[in-house]
């Protein structure tokens, strides 16, 4: 029984960790709300200043 509860905990933790967006994805999404070009530049690693 204890093994099955531990496996459920492990799988739940794995699912939450892989399904949640990381800080880089959140930065790209936040920038995309201001403009697609700026988000594409951020995503490609190029930072444009206006």
N, C-alpha and C. Protein backbone atom coordinates (compact mmCIF):
# COMPACT_ATOMS: atom_id res chain seq x y z
N UNK A 1 0.81 -1.20 0.00
CA UNK A 1 0.00 0.00 0.00
C UNK A 1 0.85 1.27 0.00
N UNK A 2 1.89 1.29 0.83
CA UNK A 2 2.71 2.50 0.93
C UNK A 2 3.39 2.81 -0.40
N UNK A 3 3.75 1.77 -1.12
CA UNK A 3 4.41 1.98 -2.40
C UNK A 3 3.49 2.68 -3.38
N UNK A 4 2.22 2.32 -3.41
CA UNK A 4 1.30 2.95 -4.34
C UNK A 4 1.06 4.42 -3.99
N UNK A 5 1.03 4.76 -2.70
CA UNK A 5 0.86 6.15 -2.30
C UNK A 5 2.10 6.97 -2.68
N UNK A 6 3.26 6.36 -2.54
CA UNK A 6 4.49 7.06 -2.92
C UNK A 6 4.55 7.28 -4.43
N UNK A 7 4.12 6.30 -5.20
CA UNK A 7 4.12 6.45 -6.65
C UNK A 7 3.15 7.54 -7.09
N UNK A 8 2.00 7.61 -6.44
CA UNK A 8 1.04 8.67 -6.77
C UNK A 8 1.65 10.03 -6.49
N UNK A 9 2.33 10.16 -5.36
CA UNK A 9 2.99 11.42 -5.02
C UNK A 9 4.08 11.76 -6.04
N UNK A 10 4.86 10.78 -6.44
CA UNK A 10 5.93 11.01 -7.41
C UNK A 10 5.36 11.44 -8.76
N UNK A 11 4.35 10.73 -9.24
CA UNK A 11 3.75 11.07 -10.53
C UNK A 11 3.06 12.43 -10.49
N UNK A 12 2.42 12.77 -9.39
CA UNK A 12 1.78 14.08 -9.26
C UNK A 12 2.82 15.18 -9.28
N UNK A 13 3.90 15.00 -8.55
CA UNK A 13 4.97 15.99 -8.54
C UNK A 13 5.58 16.16 -9.92
N UNK A 14 5.81 15.05 -10.60
CA UNK A 14 6.37 15.11 -11.96
C UNK A 14 5.43 15.84 -12.91
N UNK A 15 4.14 15.56 -12.83
CA UNK A 15 3.17 16.20 -13.71
C UNK A 15 3.12 17.71 -13.47
N UNK A 16 3.09 18.13 -12.23
CA UNK A 16 3.05 19.57 -11.91
C UNK A 16 4.32 20.26 -12.39
N UNK A 17 5.46 19.62 -12.19
CA UNK A 17 6.73 20.22 -12.59
C UNK A 17 6.87 20.34 -14.10
N UNK A 18 6.35 19.39 -14.85
CA UNK A 18 6.49 19.45 -16.30
C UNK A 18 5.37 20.24 -16.97
N UNK A 19 4.22 20.33 -16.34
CA UNK A 19 3.09 21.02 -16.96
C UNK A 19 3.12 22.53 -16.72
N UNK A 20 3.79 22.97 -15.67
CA UNK A 20 3.79 24.40 -15.37
C UNK A 20 4.86 25.11 -16.20
N UNK A 21 4.52 26.29 -16.73
CA UNK A 21 5.51 27.02 -17.53
C UNK A 21 6.60 27.61 -16.65
N UNK A 22 7.79 27.65 -17.17
CA UNK A 22 8.91 28.21 -16.43
C UNK A 22 8.96 29.72 -16.56
N UNK A 23 9.92 30.34 -15.90
CA UNK A 23 10.02 31.80 -15.93
C UNK A 23 10.32 32.35 -17.33
N UNK A 24 11.06 31.60 -18.13
CA UNK A 24 11.35 32.10 -19.48
C UNK A 24 10.08 32.12 -20.33
N UNK A 25 9.26 31.10 -20.20
CA UNK A 25 7.99 31.08 -20.95
C UNK A 25 7.07 32.20 -20.50
N UNK A 26 7.05 32.47 -19.20
CA UNK A 26 6.21 33.55 -18.69
C UNK A 26 6.70 34.91 -19.19
N UNK A 27 8.01 35.08 -19.29
CA UNK A 27 8.56 36.34 -19.82
C UNK A 27 8.19 36.52 -21.28
N UNK A 28 8.26 35.46 -22.06
CA UNK A 28 7.90 35.54 -23.47
C UNK A 28 6.42 35.84 -23.62
N UNK A 29 5.58 35.19 -22.81
CA UNK A 29 4.14 35.45 -22.90
C UNK A 29 3.80 36.88 -22.48
N UNK A 30 4.46 37.37 -21.45
CA UNK A 30 4.22 38.75 -21.02
C UNK A 30 4.65 39.76 -22.06
N UNK A 31 5.76 39.49 -22.72
CA UNK A 31 6.24 40.37 -23.78
C UNK A 31 5.34 40.29 -24.99
N UNK A 32 4.80 39.12 -25.27
CA UNK A 32 3.93 38.94 -26.43
C UNK A 32 2.64 39.76 -26.31
N UNK A 33 2.24 40.06 -25.10
CA UNK A 33 1.05 40.88 -24.92
C UNK A 33 1.28 42.32 -25.36
N UNK A 34 2.54 42.72 -25.41
CA UNK A 34 2.88 44.07 -25.84
C UNK A 34 3.16 44.13 -27.34
N UNK A 35 3.60 43.04 -27.91
CA UNK A 35 3.88 43.02 -29.35
C UNK A 35 4.54 41.73 -29.76
N UNK A 36 4.16 41.24 -30.91
CA UNK A 36 4.68 39.96 -31.38
C UNK A 36 6.15 40.04 -31.72
N UNK A 37 6.57 41.15 -32.34
CA UNK A 37 7.97 41.28 -32.73
C UNK A 37 8.92 41.25 -31.55
N UNK A 38 8.54 41.95 -30.49
CA UNK A 38 9.39 41.95 -29.29
C UNK A 38 9.46 40.56 -28.66
N UNK A 39 8.35 39.83 -28.68
CA UNK A 39 8.34 38.48 -28.11
C UNK A 39 9.20 37.53 -28.95
N UNK A 40 9.14 37.68 -30.26
CA UNK A 40 9.97 36.83 -31.12
C UNK A 40 11.45 37.14 -30.92
N UNK A 41 11.76 38.42 -30.73
CA UNK A 41 13.15 38.79 -30.49
C UNK A 41 13.62 38.23 -29.15
N UNK A 42 12.79 38.31 -28.13
CA UNK A 42 13.14 37.75 -26.83
C UNK A 42 13.30 36.24 -26.93
N UNK A 43 12.41 35.59 -27.62
CA UNK A 43 12.47 34.14 -27.75
C UNK A 43 13.71 33.67 -28.50
N UNK A 44 14.14 34.46 -29.44
CA UNK A 44 15.34 34.07 -30.20
C UNK A 44 16.63 34.48 -29.49
N UNK A 45 16.49 35.16 -28.37
CA UNK A 45 17.69 35.53 -27.60
C UNK A 45 18.20 36.91 -27.93
N UNK A 46 17.49 37.64 -28.78
CA UNK A 46 17.92 38.98 -29.16
C UNK A 46 17.04 39.98 -28.43
N UNK A 47 17.66 40.92 -27.75
CA UNK A 47 16.88 41.93 -27.03
C UNK A 47 16.97 43.22 -27.82
N UNK A 48 15.81 43.74 -28.20
CA UNK A 48 15.76 45.01 -28.94
C UNK A 48 15.35 46.11 -27.99
N UNK A 49 16.04 47.24 -28.08
CA UNK A 49 15.68 48.42 -27.30
C UNK A 49 15.09 49.45 -28.23
N UNK A 50 14.07 50.13 -27.76
CA UNK A 50 13.45 51.17 -28.57
C UNK A 50 14.07 52.49 -28.27
